[in-house]
Amino acid sequence: MATIDKLAWIRIEDRKVLVALSRGKDVWYIPGGKREPQENDAEALMREIKEELSVSIVPRTITYVGTFEAPADGKVKGVDVKMSCYQADYDGSLAPAAEIAEFAWFTNDDVHRTSFVDKIIFEYLHDEGWID
């Protein structure tokens, strides 16, 4: 079995989770991405979020939320994605960039529009009382 190792930025405002839609896709994702060689989680998270949403993560505010695993969307059976999730504050104004077409704020009612692993993350956030 293959595993895709990724990071995600859990940004919650008004009890809703920030999600992004890549150009040409129809499944929404919690923003983040893969590490480059020699990057630690914080460095990768800061780079990915700057590239995708045009804001700067405030390094001292990064806190670990959890790691979640599920079948990878759009991949052959047997390929999973493992998502290490972090919360953090940011500086700047959110704006889609790079491959991101748009962003939105989802509640648990919108979970059917997200990836398999994000469904698990949303369930966790809802069960913990962080989102509606």
N, C-alpha and C. Protein backbone atom coordinates (compact mmCIF):
# COMPACT_ATOMS: atom_id res chain seq x y z
N MET A 1 0.84 -1.18 0.00
CA MET A 1 0.00 0.00 0.00
C MET A 1 0.89 1.25 0.00
N ALA A 2 0.52 2.23 -0.81
CA ALA A 2 1.25 3.49 -0.89
C ALA A 2 0.53 4.55 -0.06
N THR A 3 1.32 5.46 0.51
CA THR A 3 0.75 6.55 1.30
C THR A 3 1.32 7.88 0.82
N ILE A 4 0.43 8.82 0.55
CA ILE A 4 0.82 10.19 0.21
C ILE A 4 0.83 10.98 1.50
N ASP A 5 1.99 11.54 1.85
CA ASP A 5 2.16 12.26 3.10
C ASP A 5 1.98 13.76 2.86
N LYS A 6 0.97 14.36 3.50
CA LYS A 6 0.66 15.77 3.27
C LYS A 6 0.45 16.50 4.59
N LEU A 7 0.39 17.83 4.47
CA LEU A 7 0.12 18.72 5.59
C LEU A 7 -1.14 19.51 5.29
N ALA A 8 -1.84 19.93 6.33
CA ALA A 8 -3.03 20.76 6.13
C ALA A 8 -3.09 21.85 7.20
N TRP A 9 -3.60 23.00 6.78
CA TRP A 9 -3.81 24.14 7.67
C TRP A 9 -5.27 24.18 8.07
N ILE A 10 -5.54 23.92 9.34
CA ILE A 10 -6.90 23.98 9.86
C ILE A 10 -7.13 25.42 10.33
N ARG A 11 -7.85 26.16 9.55
CA ARG A 11 -8.19 27.54 9.92
C ARG A 11 -9.69 27.59 10.15
N ILE A 12 -10.08 27.91 11.39
CA ILE A 12 -11.48 27.96 11.75
C ILE A 12 -11.82 29.40 12.13
N GLU A 13 -12.87 29.92 11.49
CA GLU A 13 -13.40 31.24 11.83
C GLU A 13 -14.91 31.13 11.85
N ASP A 14 -15.53 31.71 12.88
CA ASP A 14 -16.99 31.65 13.02
C ASP A 14 -17.51 30.22 12.93
N ARG A 15 -16.72 29.29 13.51
CA ARG A 15 -17.08 27.86 13.59
C ARG A 15 -17.18 27.20 12.22
N LYS A 16 -16.45 27.76 11.23
CA LYS A 16 -16.38 27.21 9.89
C LYS A 16 -14.92 26.97 9.53
N VAL A 17 -14.68 25.97 8.66
CA VAL A 17 -13.32 25.59 8.25
C VAL A 17 -13.02 26.17 6.86
N LEU A 18 -11.83 26.72 6.73
CA LEU A 18 -11.36 27.22 5.45
C LEU A 18 -11.05 26.04 4.53
N VAL A 19 -11.59 26.08 3.31
CA VAL A 19 -11.31 25.06 2.31
C VAL A 19 -10.99 25.74 0.98
N ALA A 20 -10.33 25.00 0.10
CA ALA A 20 -9.93 25.54 -1.19
C ALA A 20 -10.31 24.58 -2.31
N LEU A 21 -10.53 25.16 -3.48
CA LEU A 21 -10.87 24.39 -4.68
C LEU A 21 -9.80 24.65 -5.73
N SER A 22 -9.13 23.59 -6.17
CA SER A 22 -8.12 23.71 -7.21
C SER A 22 -8.78 23.86 -8.57
N ARG A 23 -8.11 24.57 -9.47
CA ARG A 23 -8.63 24.76 -10.83
C ARG A 23 -8.90 23.39 -11.48
N GLY A 24 -10.07 23.26 -12.10
CA GLY A 24 -10.41 22.04 -12.81
C GLY A 24 -10.87 20.90 -11.93
N LYS A 25 -10.98 21.11 -10.63
CA LYS A 25 -11.41 20.04 -9.71
C LYS A 25 -12.82 20.33 -9.21
N ASP A 26 -13.46 19.30 -8.67
CA ASP A 26 -14.79 19.51 -8.10
C ASP A 26 -14.88 19.07 -6.64
N VAL A 27 -13.74 18.70 -6.07
CA VAL A 27 -13.68 18.31 -4.67
C VAL A 27 -12.90 19.40 -3.91
N TRP A 28 -13.46 19.86 -2.81
CA TRP A 28 -12.82 20.88 -1.98
C TRP A 28 -11.86 20.22 -1.00
N TYR A 29 -10.78 20.92 -0.68
CA TYR A 29 -9.75 20.41 0.23
C TYR A 29 -9.41 21.44 1.29
N ILE A 30 -9.05 20.95 2.46
CA ILE A 30 -8.44 21.82 3.46
C ILE A 30 -7.07 22.19 2.89
N PRO A 31 -6.70 23.47 2.87
CA PRO A 31 -5.45 23.88 2.21
C PRO A 31 -4.21 23.26 2.83
N GLY A 32 -3.21 23.06 2.00
CA GLY A 32 -1.94 22.49 2.43
C GLY A 32 -1.23 21.86 1.25
N GLY A 33 -0.38 20.89 1.53
CA GLY A 33 0.33 20.23 0.45
C GLY A 33 1.44 19.33 0.97
N LYS A 34 2.37 19.04 0.08
CA LYS A 34 3.47 18.14 0.40
C LYS A 34 4.72 18.92 0.78
N ARG A 35 5.55 18.27 1.60
CA ARG A 35 6.85 18.83 1.96
C ARG A 35 7.82 18.75 0.79
N GLU A 36 8.67 19.75 0.68
CA GLU A 36 9.82 19.68 -0.22
C GLU A 36 10.95 19.00 0.55
N PRO A 37 11.94 18.43 -0.17
CA PRO A 37 13.07 17.82 0.53
C PRO A 37 13.69 18.81 1.52
N GLN A 38 14.02 18.33 2.68
CA GLN A 38 14.68 19.08 3.75
C GLN A 38 13.75 20.05 4.50
N GLU A 39 12.47 20.11 4.16
CA GLU A 39 11.55 20.98 4.89
C GLU A 39 10.97 20.25 6.10
N ASN A 40 10.82 20.97 7.20
CA ASN A 40 10.06 20.42 8.31
C ASN A 40 8.59 20.80 8.11
N ASP A 41 7.72 20.33 8.99
CA ASP A 41 6.29 20.57 8.82
C ASP A 41 5.96 22.06 8.80
N ALA A 42 6.52 22.82 9.72
CA ALA A 42 6.22 24.25 9.80
C ALA A 42 6.66 24.98 8.53
N GLU A 43 7.86 24.69 8.05
CA GLU A 43 8.36 25.33 6.82
C GLU A 43 7.47 25.00 5.62
N ALA A 44 7.09 23.74 5.50
CA ALA A 44 6.24 23.32 4.39
C ALA A 44 4.87 23.96 4.47
N LEU A 45 4.30 24.01 5.66
CA LEU A 45 2.99 24.62 5.84
C LEU A 45 3.03 26.10 5.46
N MET A 46 4.02 26.80 5.94
CA MET A 46 4.14 28.24 5.64
C MET A 46 4.30 28.47 4.13
N ARG A 47 5.13 27.66 3.48
CA ARG A 47 5.35 27.82 2.04
C ARG A 47 4.08 27.52 1.25
N GLU A 48 3.44 26.39 1.56
CA GLU A 48 2.23 25.99 0.82
C GLU A 48 1.11 27.01 0.96
N ILE A 49 0.89 27.51 2.17
CA ILE A 49 -0.21 28.45 2.38
C ILE A 49 0.09 29.79 1.71
N LYS A 50 1.34 30.21 1.74
CA LYS A 50 1.72 31.45 1.03
C LYS A 50 1.47 31.28 -0.47
N GLU A 51 1.87 30.12 -1.03
CA GLU A 51 1.69 29.85 -2.46
C GLU A 51 0.22 29.77 -2.85
N GLU A 52 -0.60 29.13 -2.03
CA GLU A 52 -1.99 28.85 -2.39
C GLU A 52 -2.97 29.96 -2.03
N LEU A 53 -2.72 30.65 -0.91
CA LEU A 53 -3.72 31.60 -0.40
C LEU A 53 -3.17 33.00 -0.12
N SER A 54 -1.91 33.23 -0.46
CA SER A 54 -1.31 34.57 -0.42
C SER A 54 -1.19 35.18 0.97
N VAL A 55 -1.21 34.36 2.01
CA VAL A 55 -1.04 34.88 3.37
C VAL A 55 0.17 34.23 4.02
N SER A 56 0.66 34.88 5.07
CA SER A 56 1.82 34.37 5.80
C SER A 56 1.37 33.77 7.13
N ILE A 57 1.70 32.51 7.33
CA ILE A 57 1.45 31.85 8.61
C ILE A 57 2.37 32.48 9.65
N VAL A 58 1.84 32.72 10.85
CA VAL A 58 2.65 33.26 11.95
C VAL A 58 3.30 32.06 12.65
N PRO A 59 4.62 31.88 12.47
CA PRO A 59 5.28 30.64 12.95
C PRO A 59 5.04 30.30 14.42
N ARG A 60 5.08 31.28 15.29
CA ARG A 60 4.97 30.99 16.73
C ARG A 60 3.57 30.50 17.13
N THR A 61 2.59 30.62 16.22
CA THR A 61 1.22 30.21 16.53
C THR A 61 0.88 28.82 16.01
N ILE A 62 1.81 28.17 15.32
CA ILE A 62 1.53 26.85 14.75
C ILE A 62 1.38 25.82 15.86
N THR A 63 0.23 25.14 15.87
CA THR A 63 -0.01 24.07 16.84
C THR A 63 -0.56 22.85 16.13
N TYR A 64 -0.13 21.70 16.57
CA TYR A 64 -0.53 20.42 15.99
C TYR A 64 -1.96 20.09 16.40
N VAL A 65 -2.78 19.66 15.44
CA VAL A 65 -4.16 19.26 15.70
C VAL A 65 -4.29 17.74 15.71
N GLY A 66 -3.69 17.08 14.72
CA GLY A 66 -3.79 15.63 14.63
C GLY A 66 -3.38 15.15 13.25
N THR A 67 -3.26 13.83 13.10
CA THR A 67 -2.95 13.22 11.81
C THR A 67 -4.07 12.25 11.47
N PHE A 68 -4.53 12.35 10.22
CA PHE A 68 -5.70 11.60 9.77
C PHE A 68 -5.35 10.89 8.47
N GLU A 69 -5.93 9.70 8.25
CA GLU A 69 -5.60 8.92 7.06
C GLU A 69 -6.87 8.36 6.43
N ALA A 70 -6.89 8.35 5.09
CA ALA A 70 -8.05 7.84 4.33
C ALA A 70 -7.59 7.51 2.92
N PRO A 71 -8.42 6.79 2.14
CA PRO A 71 -8.09 6.58 0.73
C PRO A 71 -7.92 7.92 0.01
N ALA A 72 -6.94 7.99 -0.87
CA ALA A 72 -6.66 9.22 -1.62
C ALA A 72 -7.67 9.39 -2.74
N ASP A 73 -8.24 10.58 -2.84
CA ASP A 73 -9.19 10.88 -3.92
C ASP A 73 -8.48 10.84 -5.26
N GLY A 74 -9.13 10.23 -6.25
CA GLY A 74 -8.60 10.23 -7.60
C GLY A 74 -7.42 9.32 -7.83
N LYS A 75 -7.10 8.46 -6.88
CA LYS A 75 -5.98 7.52 -7.01
C LYS A 75 -6.51 6.10 -7.05
N VAL A 76 -5.67 5.18 -7.48
CA VAL A 76 -6.08 3.78 -7.53
C VAL A 76 -6.29 3.24 -6.12
N LYS A 77 -7.08 2.19 -6.03
CA LYS A 77 -7.33 1.54 -4.74
C LYS A 77 -6.00 1.13 -4.11
N GLY A 78 -5.88 1.33 -2.82
CA GLY A 78 -4.66 0.98 -2.12
C GLY A 78 -3.73 2.16 -1.89
N VAL A 79 -4.07 3.32 -2.44
CA VAL A 79 -3.28 4.53 -2.19
C VAL A 79 -4.03 5.38 -1.17
N ASP A 80 -3.38 5.63 -0.05
CA ASP A 80 -3.97 6.44 1.02
C ASP A 80 -3.28 7.79 1.07
N VAL A 81 -3.95 8.73 1.75
CA VAL A 81 -3.32 10.00 2.06
C VAL A 81 -3.30 10.12 3.58
N LYS A 82 -2.15 10.55 4.10
CA LYS A 82 -1.98 10.80 5.53
C LYS A 82 -1.80 12.30 5.69
N MET A 83 -2.70 12.94 6.44
CA MET A 83 -2.72 14.38 6.56
C MET A 83 -2.36 14.79 7.99
N SER A 84 -1.22 15.45 8.14
CA SER A 84 -0.83 16.03 9.42
C SER A 84 -1.39 17.45 9.46
N CYS A 85 -2.22 17.73 10.46
CA CYS A 85 -2.97 18.99 10.49
C CYS A 85 -2.46 19.92 11.59
N TYR A 86 -2.42 21.20 11.24
CA TYR A 86 -1.95 22.24 12.15
C TYR A 86 -2.87 23.44 12.09
N GLN A 87 -3.04 24.10 13.23
CA GLN A 87 -3.72 25.39 13.29
C GLN A 87 -2.64 26.46 13.35
N ALA A 88 -2.98 27.66 12.91
CA ALA A 88 -2.06 28.80 13.02
C ALA A 88 -2.78 30.07 12.65
N ASP A 89 -2.30 31.18 13.21
CA ASP A 89 -2.78 32.49 12.80
C ASP A 89 -2.05 32.88 11.52
N TYR A 90 -2.54 33.94 10.87
CA TYR A 90 -1.91 34.40 9.63
C TYR A 90 -1.93 35.91 9.54
N ASP A 91 -1.04 36.43 8.72
CA ASP A 91 -0.98 37.85 8.37
C ASP A 91 -1.32 38.00 6.91
N GLY A 92 -2.08 39.05 6.57
CA GLY A 92 -2.41 39.31 5.19
C GLY A 92 -3.88 39.06 4.91
N SER A 93 -4.25 39.16 3.65
CA SER A 93 -5.62 38.93 3.21
C SER A 93 -5.68 37.68 2.34
N LEU A 94 -6.58 36.78 2.69
CA LEU A 94 -6.73 35.55 1.92
C LEU A 94 -7.11 35.86 0.47
N ALA A 95 -6.38 35.25 -0.46
CA ALA A 95 -6.67 35.39 -1.89
C ALA A 95 -6.18 34.14 -2.59
N PRO A 96 -6.99 33.54 -3.47
CA PRO A 96 -6.55 32.35 -4.18
C PRO A 96 -5.36 32.65 -5.08
N ALA A 97 -4.41 31.72 -5.13
CA ALA A 97 -3.22 31.87 -5.96
C ALA A 97 -2.78 30.49 -6.44
N ALA A 98 -1.78 30.47 -7.32
CA ALA A 98 -1.25 29.21 -7.88
C ALA A 98 -2.40 28.39 -8.45
N GLU A 99 -2.54 27.12 -8.01
CA GLU A 99 -3.57 26.25 -8.58
C GLU A 99 -4.95 26.43 -7.94
N ILE A 100 -5.05 27.31 -6.96
CA ILE A 100 -6.32 27.50 -6.24
C ILE A 100 -7.24 28.45 -7.01
N ALA A 101 -8.44 27.97 -7.33
CA ALA A 101 -9.42 28.78 -8.05
C ALA A 101 -10.23 29.66 -7.10
N GLU A 102 -10.57 29.09 -5.94
CA GLU A 102 -11.35 29.84 -4.96
C GLU A 102 -11.24 29.18 -3.60
N PHE A 103 -11.65 29.93 -2.58
CA PHE A 103 -11.72 29.37 -1.24
C PHE A 103 -13.10 29.65 -0.67
N ALA A 104 -13.46 28.92 0.40
CA ALA A 104 -14.76 29.07 1.03
C ALA A 104 -14.64 28.65 2.49
N TRP A 105 -15.70 28.88 3.23
CA TRP A 105 -15.78 28.49 4.64
C TRP A 105 -16.91 27.47 4.77
N PHE A 106 -16.57 26.25 5.20
CA PHE A 106 -17.54 25.16 5.28
C PHE A 106 -17.86 24.81 6.73
N THR A 107 -19.12 24.42 6.94
CA THR A 107 -19.51 23.78 8.19
C THR A 107 -19.56 22.27 7.94
N ASN A 108 -19.90 21.53 8.96
CA ASN A 108 -20.01 20.07 8.80
C ASN A 108 -21.11 19.71 7.79
N ASP A 109 -22.06 20.59 7.57
CA ASP A 109 -23.12 20.33 6.58
C ASP A 109 -22.58 20.27 5.15
N ASP A 110 -21.40 20.85 4.92
CA ASP A 110 -20.80 20.89 3.59
C ASP A 110 -19.80 19.75 3.34
N VAL A 111 -19.65 18.87 4.31
CA VAL A 111 -18.60 17.85 4.27
C VAL A 111 -18.70 16.95 3.04
N HIS A 112 -19.88 16.76 2.50
CA HIS A 112 -20.06 15.90 1.32
C HIS A 112 -19.33 16.45 0.09
N ARG A 113 -18.89 17.70 0.13
CA ARG A 113 -18.19 18.32 -0.99
C ARG A 113 -16.66 18.21 -0.87
N THR A 114 -16.19 17.53 0.18
CA THR A 114 -14.75 17.46 0.45
C THR A 114 -14.17 16.08 0.16
N SER A 115 -12.85 15.98 0.26
CA SER A 115 -12.13 14.73 0.03
C SER A 115 -12.40 13.73 1.15
N PHE A 116 -12.02 12.47 0.91
CA PHE A 116 -12.22 11.42 1.92
C PHE A 116 -11.55 11.77 3.24
N VAL A 117 -10.29 12.17 3.20
CA VAL A 117 -9.58 12.47 4.44
C VAL A 117 -10.17 13.70 5.12
N ASP A 118 -10.61 14.68 4.34
CA ASP A 118 -11.21 15.87 4.94
C ASP A 118 -12.51 15.54 5.64
N LYS A 119 -13.25 14.56 5.15
CA LYS A 119 -14.47 14.13 5.83
C LYS A 119 -14.14 13.66 7.25
N ILE A 120 -13.06 12.93 7.40
CA ILE A 120 -12.63 12.44 8.71
C ILE A 120 -12.21 13.62 9.60
N ILE A 121 -11.49 14.57 9.01
CA ILE A 121 -11.04 15.75 9.76
C ILE A 121 -12.26 16.57 10.20
N PHE A 122 -13.21 16.81 9.30
CA PHE A 122 -14.41 17.55 9.65
C PHE A 122 -15.16 16.86 10.79
N GLU A 123 -15.28 15.53 10.71
CA GLU A 123 -15.96 14.77 11.77
C GLU A 123 -15.27 15.00 13.11
N TYR A 124 -13.95 14.93 13.11
CA TYR A 124 -13.18 15.18 14.33
C TYR A 124 -13.44 16.59 14.86
N LEU A 125 -13.35 17.60 13.99
CA LEU A 125 -13.55 18.99 14.41
C LEU A 125 -14.97 19.21 14.94
N HIS A 126 -15.94 18.56 14.31
CA HIS A 126 -17.33 18.67 14.76
C HIS A 126 -17.51 17.99 16.12
N ASP A 127 -16.96 16.78 16.24
CA ASP A 127 -17.07 16.04 17.51
C ASP A 127 -16.40 16.78 18.66
N GLU A 128 -15.32 17.50 18.35
CA GLU A 128 -14.61 18.27 19.38
C GLU A 128 -15.30 19.60 19.70
N GLY A 129 -16.35 19.92 18.93
CA GLY A 129 -17.10 21.15 19.17
C GLY A 129 -16.48 22.40 18.59
N TRP A 130 -15.56 22.23 17.63
CA TRP A 130 -14.87 23.37 17.04
C TRP A 130 -15.64 24.00 15.89
N ILE A 131 -16.47 23.18 15.19
CA ILE A 131 -17.24 23.68 14.05
C ILE A 131 -18.69 23.26 14.17
N ASP A 132 -19.55 23.97 13.45
CA ASP A 132 -20.97 23.63 13.39
C ASP A 132 -21.21 22.56 12.35
